[in-house]
Amino acid sequence: MVKATKWVLVKSFEGTPKSDDFRIEEEELPALKDGEYLAEAVFLSVDPYMRVFSKPGDTMVGEQVAKIIDSKNPEYSVGEYITGMFGWRTHTIGNPSSHARKIDSSLSAPNSTAIGVLGMPGATAYFGVLNILEPKEGETLVVSAASGAVGSIVGQIAKIKGCRVVGFAGSDTKVRYLKELGFDAAYNYKTISSLKDTLTEACPNGIDMYFDNVGGDFFDTILPMMNQFGRLAVCGQISTYNDTEPRKGPQPGYPILIKQLKVQGFMAQRWFVEWPKAFKVLDGWIKEGKLKYRETVTEGFDKMFDAFLGLFTGENIGKAVVKA
């Protein structure tokens, strides 16, 4: 018998996540049945959405790269690597209904990127920019949380498409990273005196596209500054996830109407069947040197909480990954 270790959410989050919101449990797994396989976690993802979608009493939600270590399913061979929404756990019994995705061995990047630039974050950036924002050469794109797993890829795709890219991040180190990636302008939002004035200076031709990872004041400030027929892709709201009281703010309807803006929320799973094609394009850009990525790796399954908390305190550059 195999024992799985898992992180269980014991109570709803109030404000910033705390260690006593969780407990670590062991679970003895049954013998495999026909059609099942046993997967062992290799790399686990931590992402802000987990703060919203995890429920008390359940294993924390999340995606992982796992290795098949036993199988009674001919479609899943021992030694193969997959990604699956198995949550924060070391071992998982899967079956065809688990919707695990085999990692394409023809891709050049390491397996950890299957939960990063060649996984859900990469797909989010790819489809958000190309399908929602539909960039045109010479346009200006602004992206918040620009040094993160999604934002850093968003900016680079926009540059590949010939756009001016302006990014905001939470430290001078992250700003330097954005400039290394080729962003036309990058700012530490914690040290600027005025977001509106900074945007006015950085975007002399106005803002055509905004990729929103944070919500809050960024969205409220940028919305009325958008050009006519501007597009906004609403991907995340991390600045509000730890709020304990509902936000009060301006009503967005008027600028959306007058400027005929396109404002669309989205999740990358909408294009799930197209992910393999997107990953081949992204991998091609990596091999050509047009697309760079970074991972912040935390060692040890017992450090899942530390890596998760780091998302909300600005510890990571690029994709946050836990190596089991």
Protein backbone atom coordinates (compact mmCIF):
# COMPACT_ATOMS: atom_id res chain seq x y z
CA MET A 1 0.00 0.00 0.00
CA VAL A 2 1.11 3.53 -0.81
CA LYS A 3 0.54 6.41 1.57
CA ALA A 4 -0.22 9.84 0.15
CA THR A 5 0.51 13.03 2.03
CA LYS A 6 -1.82 15.96 1.36
CA TRP A 7 -2.50 19.52 2.46
CA VAL A 8 -6.10 20.05 3.58
CA LEU A 9 -7.71 23.46 3.98
CA VAL A 10 -9.33 23.45 7.43
CA LYS A 11 -11.08 26.83 7.37
CA SER A 12 -11.94 29.62 4.98
CA PHE A 13 -9.23 32.18 4.41
CA GLU A 14 -9.59 35.47 6.25
CA GLY A 15 -7.18 38.01 4.86
CA THR A 16 -3.71 36.77 3.97
CA PRO A 17 -3.38 32.94 4.14
CA LYS A 18 -1.91 31.63 7.40
CA SER A 19 -0.23 28.34 8.25
CA ASP A 20 -3.00 27.34 10.66
CA ASP A 21 -5.50 27.49 7.78
CA PHE A 22 -4.09 24.08 6.79
CA ARG A 23 -3.27 20.67 8.16
CA ILE A 24 -1.15 17.93 6.63
CA GLU A 25 -2.78 14.50 6.49
CA GLU A 26 -1.77 11.03 5.36
CA GLU A 27 -4.06 8.85 3.28
CA GLU A 28 -3.56 5.15 2.56
CA LEU A 29 -4.35 4.48 -1.07
CA PRO A 30 -6.12 1.28 -2.19
CA ALA A 31 -4.74 -1.17 -4.72
CA LEU A 32 -5.13 -0.14 -8.34
CA LYS A 33 -8.17 -1.28 -10.29
CA ASP A 34 -8.25 -1.94 -14.01
CA GLY A 35 -8.05 1.35 -15.89
CA GLU A 36 -6.29 3.18 -13.07
CA TYR A 37 -2.72 4.43 -12.61
CA LEU A 38 -0.65 5.71 -9.70
CA ALA A 39 1.05 9.09 -10.13
CA GLU A 40 3.75 10.56 -7.89
CA ALA A 41 4.15 14.33 -7.70
CA VAL A 42 7.41 15.74 -9.09
CA PHE A 43 6.63 19.45 -9.41
CA LEU A 44 3.62 21.21 -7.88
CA SER A 45 2.22 24.56 -8.88
CA VAL A 46 1.16 27.35 -6.56
CA ASP A 47 -1.09 30.01 -8.08
CA PRO A 48 -3.27 32.86 -6.79
CA TYR A 49 -6.50 31.24 -8.02
CA MET A 50 -6.08 28.54 -5.35
CA ARG A 51 -6.95 31.22 -2.79
CA VAL A 52 -10.39 31.52 -4.40
CA PHE A 53 -11.32 27.99 -5.46
CA SER A 54 -10.16 25.83 -2.51
CA LYS A 55 -12.86 24.81 -0.03
CA PRO A 56 -12.58 23.95 3.68
CA GLY A 57 -12.35 20.21 4.28
CA ASP A 58 -10.87 19.52 0.83
CA THR A 59 -7.34 18.99 -0.38
CA MET A 60 -5.97 22.28 -1.71
CA VAL A 61 -6.65 22.51 -5.42
CA GLY A 62 -3.81 22.77 -7.88
CA GLU A 63 -1.94 21.32 -10.81
CA GLN A 64 1.18 19.19 -10.70
CA VAL A 65 3.66 17.41 -12.89
CA ALA A 66 3.61 13.75 -11.89
CA LYS A 67 5.37 10.56 -12.88
CA ILE A 68 3.44 7.33 -13.46
CA ILE A 69 4.91 4.80 -11.01
CA ASP A 70 2.32 2.03 -11.41
CA SER A 71 -0.41 1.43 -13.94
CA LYS A 72 -3.28 -0.82 -14.92
CA ASN A 73 -4.17 1.40 -17.84
CA PRO A 74 -2.47 0.77 -21.19
CA GLU A 75 -2.78 4.47 -22.09
CA TYR A 76 -0.57 5.47 -19.15
CA SER A 77 2.77 3.71 -18.99
CA VAL A 78 5.10 3.55 -16.00
CA GLY A 79 7.77 6.23 -16.36
CA GLU A 80 5.61 8.66 -18.34
CA TYR A 81 5.11 12.23 -17.11
CA ILE A 82 1.71 13.89 -16.96
CA THR A 83 0.08 17.01 -15.61
CA GLY A 84 -3.14 16.85 -13.66
CA MET A 85 -5.33 18.84 -11.30
CA PHE A 86 -4.48 16.51 -8.45
CA GLY A 87 -4.08 19.18 -5.77
CA TRP A 88 -1.50 19.49 -3.03
CA ARG A 89 -0.77 15.78 -2.59
CA THR A 90 2.20 13.48 -3.12
CA HIS A 91 0.42 10.51 -4.73
CA THR A 92 -2.77 10.21 -6.72
CA ILE A 93 -4.75 7.36 -8.23
CA GLY A 94 -5.97 8.49 -11.62
CA ASN A 95 -8.18 7.15 -14.38
CA PRO A 96 -9.39 8.43 -17.77
CA SER A 97 -11.89 10.75 -16.09
CA SER A 98 -9.03 12.52 -14.28
CA HIS A 99 -8.30 14.39 -17.54
CA ALA A 100 -4.54 14.23 -17.04
CA ARG A 101 -2.48 15.64 -19.88
CA LYS A 102 0.61 13.80 -21.11
CA ILE A 103 3.66 15.99 -21.42
CA ASP A 104 4.77 16.31 -25.03
CA SER A 105 8.27 14.82 -25.10
CA SER A 106 9.03 16.64 -28.37
CA LEU A 107 9.09 20.01 -26.56
CA SER A 108 12.52 21.32 -25.68
CA ALA A 109 11.86 22.85 -22.25
CA PRO A 110 12.14 20.82 -19.00
CA ASN A 111 9.14 19.06 -17.45
CA SER A 112 8.64 21.75 -14.80
CA THR A 113 7.51 24.15 -17.54
CA ALA A 114 4.41 22.00 -18.08
CA ILE A 115 2.89 23.92 -15.16
CA GLY A 116 4.47 27.19 -16.30
CA VAL A 117 5.32 28.67 -19.67
CA LEU A 118 4.26 25.46 -21.45
CA GLY A 119 1.26 24.92 -19.18
CA MET A 120 -1.75 26.82 -17.91
CA PRO A 121 0.10 30.13 -17.30
CA GLY A 122 1.60 30.08 -20.79
CA ALA A 123 -1.76 29.22 -22.33
CA THR A 124 -3.38 32.03 -20.35
CA ALA A 125 -0.89 34.55 -21.74
CA TYR A 126 -1.03 33.14 -25.27
CA PHE A 127 -4.80 33.10 -25.68
CA GLY A 128 -5.37 36.20 -23.60
CA VAL A 129 -3.10 38.27 -25.81
CA LEU A 130 -3.81 36.73 -29.21
CA ASN A 131 -7.53 35.86 -28.89
CA ILE A 132 -8.82 38.51 -26.48
CA LEU A 133 -6.57 41.54 -27.00
CA GLU A 134 -5.81 40.87 -30.69
CA PRO A 135 -2.69 43.08 -30.84
CA LYS A 136 -1.82 45.17 -33.86
CA GLU A 137 1.70 46.31 -34.65
CA GLY A 138 2.48 49.69 -33.14
CA GLU A 139 -0.17 49.51 -30.42
CA THR A 140 0.56 49.93 -26.70
CA LEU A 141 -0.08 47.19 -24.13
CA VAL A 142 0.06 47.62 -20.36
CA VAL A 143 0.33 44.59 -18.09
CA SER A 144 0.15 44.44 -14.28
CA ALA A 145 1.96 41.81 -12.19
CA ALA A 146 4.26 41.83 -15.19
CA SER A 147 7.08 39.76 -13.70
CA GLY A 148 4.82 36.84 -12.81
CA ALA A 149 4.21 33.55 -14.58
CA VAL A 150 1.54 35.03 -16.85
CA GLY A 151 2.50 38.70 -17.07
CA SER A 152 6.08 38.10 -18.15
CA ILE A 153 4.88 35.95 -21.07
CA VAL A 154 2.12 38.43 -21.96
CA GLY A 155 4.62 41.23 -22.42
CA GLN A 156 6.98 39.15 -24.54
CA ILE A 157 4.21 37.92 -26.85
CA ALA A 158 3.10 41.52 -27.36
CA LYS A 159 6.69 42.48 -28.22
CA ILE A 160 6.88 39.62 -30.72
CA LYS A 161 3.76 41.10 -32.32
CA GLY A 162 5.39 44.52 -32.64
CA CYS A 163 3.74 46.35 -29.75
CA ARG A 164 5.01 48.85 -27.20
CA VAL A 165 4.88 47.13 -23.80
CA VAL A 166 4.68 48.79 -20.39
CA GLY A 167 4.87 46.61 -17.28
CA PHE A 168 4.36 47.11 -13.55
CA ALA A 169 5.85 44.92 -10.82
CA GLY A 170 6.49 45.11 -7.08
CA SER A 171 10.26 45.52 -6.71
CA ASP A 172 13.28 47.06 -8.40
CA THR A 173 14.69 43.56 -9.00
CA LYS A 174 11.54 42.63 -10.91
CA VAL A 175 11.71 45.86 -12.91
CA ARG A 176 15.26 44.99 -13.97
CA TYR A 177 14.02 41.56 -15.06
CA LEU A 178 11.30 43.12 -17.20
CA LYS A 179 13.85 45.32 -18.91
CA GLU A 180 15.99 42.24 -19.58
CA LEU A 181 12.93 40.72 -21.29
CA GLY A 182 12.68 43.70 -23.62
CA PHE A 183 9.81 45.66 -22.08
CA ASP A 184 9.84 49.23 -23.40
CA ALA A 185 9.10 50.63 -19.95
CA ALA A 186 8.84 49.03 -16.52
CA TYR A 187 8.01 50.46 -13.10
CA ASN A 188 7.94 49.50 -9.44
CA TYR A 189 4.35 50.38 -8.55
CA LYS A 190 5.33 50.64 -4.88
CA THR A 191 7.71 53.56 -5.46
CA ILE A 192 5.99 55.67 -8.14
CA SER A 193 4.21 58.76 -6.86
CA SER A 194 1.25 58.57 -9.24
CA LEU A 195 0.05 55.65 -11.34
CA LYS A 196 -1.89 57.96 -13.65
CA ASP A 197 1.07 60.28 -14.23
CA THR A 198 3.41 57.33 -14.82
CA LEU A 199 1.04 55.84 -17.39
CA THR A 200 0.66 59.18 -19.14
CA GLU A 201 4.44 59.44 -19.49
CA ALA A 202 4.98 55.79 -20.46
CA CYS A 203 2.14 55.66 -22.98
CA PRO A 204 2.40 58.84 -25.10
CA ASN A 205 0.00 57.38 -27.68
CA GLY A 206 -2.46 56.17 -25.07
CA ILE A 207 -3.30 52.61 -24.02
CA ASP A 208 -4.77 50.22 -26.57
CA MET A 209 -4.64 47.03 -24.51
CA TYR A 210 -4.56 46.25 -20.80
CA PHE A 211 -3.89 42.74 -19.48
CA ASP A 212 -5.25 42.86 -15.94
CA ASN A 213 -3.76 40.47 -13.39
CA VAL A 214 -4.52 42.46 -10.26
CA GLY A 215 -7.82 44.38 -10.43
CA GLY A 216 -8.28 47.09 -7.83
CA ASP A 217 -6.75 50.54 -8.30
CA PHE A 218 -4.88 49.52 -11.46
CA PHE A 219 -8.10 48.68 -13.27
CA ASP A 220 -9.87 51.78 -11.95
CA THR A 221 -7.01 54.05 -13.05
CA ILE A 222 -6.36 52.52 -16.47
CA LEU A 223 -9.97 52.14 -17.62
CA PRO A 224 -10.66 55.85 -18.33
CA MET A 225 -7.20 56.20 -19.93
CA MET A 226 -7.90 53.61 -22.63
CA ASN A 227 -7.94 54.63 -26.27
CA GLN A 228 -11.08 54.41 -28.34
CA PHE A 229 -11.89 50.76 -29.12
CA GLY A 230 -9.36 49.61 -26.52
CA ARG A 231 -9.37 46.03 -25.24
CA LEU A 232 -9.02 44.77 -21.66
CA ALA A 233 -8.36 41.13 -20.79
CA VAL A 234 -9.35 40.49 -17.18
CA CYS A 235 -7.32 37.52 -15.99
CA GLY A 236 -6.83 37.92 -12.22
CA GLN A 237 -7.71 40.09 -9.24
CA ILE A 238 -4.89 39.28 -6.83
CA SER A 239 -4.92 42.74 -5.23
CA THR A 240 -8.41 41.99 -3.85
CA TYR A 241 -8.14 38.29 -2.91
CA ASN A 242 -7.13 38.96 0.69
CA ASP A 243 -9.63 41.78 1.27
CA THR A 244 -11.86 41.25 4.27
CA GLU A 245 -14.38 43.92 3.24
CA PRO A 246 -15.95 44.51 -0.19
CA ARG A 247 -14.21 47.21 -2.21
CA LYS A 248 -15.94 50.47 -2.97
CA GLY A 249 -14.88 52.25 -6.13
CA PRO A 250 -15.85 54.09 -9.28
CA GLN A 251 -18.49 52.78 -11.65
CA PRO A 252 -16.86 51.63 -14.91
CA GLY A 253 -19.88 51.80 -17.19
CA TYR A 254 -19.39 55.30 -18.59
CA PRO A 255 -15.84 54.96 -20.04
CA ILE A 256 -16.68 51.50 -21.36
CA LEU A 257 -19.67 52.93 -23.20
CA ILE A 258 -18.20 56.20 -24.48
CA LYS A 259 -14.91 54.67 -25.64
CA GLN A 260 -16.60 51.50 -26.92
CA LEU A 261 -14.17 49.33 -25.00
CA LYS A 262 -14.01 45.56 -25.08
CA VAL A 263 -13.67 44.24 -21.53
CA GLN A 264 -13.57 40.46 -21.26
CA GLY A 265 -12.84 38.10 -18.43
CA PHE A 266 -11.47 34.73 -19.40
CA MET A 267 -9.85 31.49 -18.31
CA ALA A 268 -7.47 29.58 -20.55
CA GLN A 269 -9.39 26.30 -20.19
CA ARG A 270 -11.81 27.74 -22.73
CA TRP A 271 -9.23 26.85 -25.41
CA PHE A 272 -8.03 23.61 -23.79
CA VAL A 273 -8.18 21.59 -27.01
CA GLU A 274 -5.86 24.14 -28.62
CA TRP A 275 -3.22 24.06 -25.86
CA PRO A 276 -0.88 21.59 -27.64
CA LYS A 277 -0.71 23.89 -30.67
CA ALA A 278 -0.03 26.90 -28.43
CA PHE A 279 2.74 25.08 -26.58
CA LYS A 280 4.51 24.24 -29.83
CA VAL A 281 4.43 27.92 -30.81
CA LEU A 282 5.68 29.02 -27.38
CA ASP A 283 8.38 26.34 -27.40
CA GLY A 284 9.44 27.50 -30.86
CA TRP A 285 9.82 31.07 -29.59
CA ILE A 286 11.89 29.77 -26.66
CA LYS A 287 14.23 27.92 -29.02
CA GLU A 288 14.51 31.01 -31.23
CA GLY A 289 15.44 33.15 -28.22
CA LYS A 290 12.35 35.32 -28.60
CA LEU A 291 10.71 34.13 -25.38
CA LYS A 292 12.41 33.78 -21.99
CA TYR A 293 11.05 32.40 -18.75
CA ARG A 294 12.08 32.10 -15.14
CA GLU A 295 11.02 29.80 -12.32
CA THR A 296 11.15 30.40 -8.56
CA VAL A 297 11.61 26.86 -7.21
CA THR A 298 10.94 25.93 -3.58
CA GLU A 299 12.38 22.59 -2.46
CA GLY A 300 10.19 20.18 -0.51
CA PHE A 301 6.51 19.22 -0.39
CA ASP A 302 6.44 20.40 3.24
CA LYS A 303 7.12 23.93 1.96
CA MET A 304 3.91 24.23 -0.08
CA PHE A 305 2.48 26.88 2.23
CA ASP A 306 5.65 28.96 2.16
CA ALA A 307 5.64 28.99 -1.66
CA PHE A 308 1.92 29.81 -1.72
CA LEU A 309 2.27 32.68 0.75
CA GLY A 310 5.11 34.07 -1.35
CA LEU A 311 2.65 34.76 -4.16
CA PHE A 312 0.91 37.35 -1.99
CA THR A 313 4.08 38.88 -0.56
CA GLY A 314 5.85 39.26 -3.91
CA GLU A 315 8.57 36.65 -3.41
CA ASN A 316 8.48 35.03 -6.85
CA ILE A 317 9.75 36.08 -10.24
CA GLY A 318 8.18 34.10 -13.07
CA LYS A 319 6.46 30.81 -12.19
CA ALA A 320 6.37 29.65 -8.59
CA VAL A 321 7.02 25.90 -8.45
CA VAL A 322 7.50 23.42 -5.60
CA LYS A 323 9.84 20.51 -6.20
CA ALA A 324 8.43 17.58 -4.25
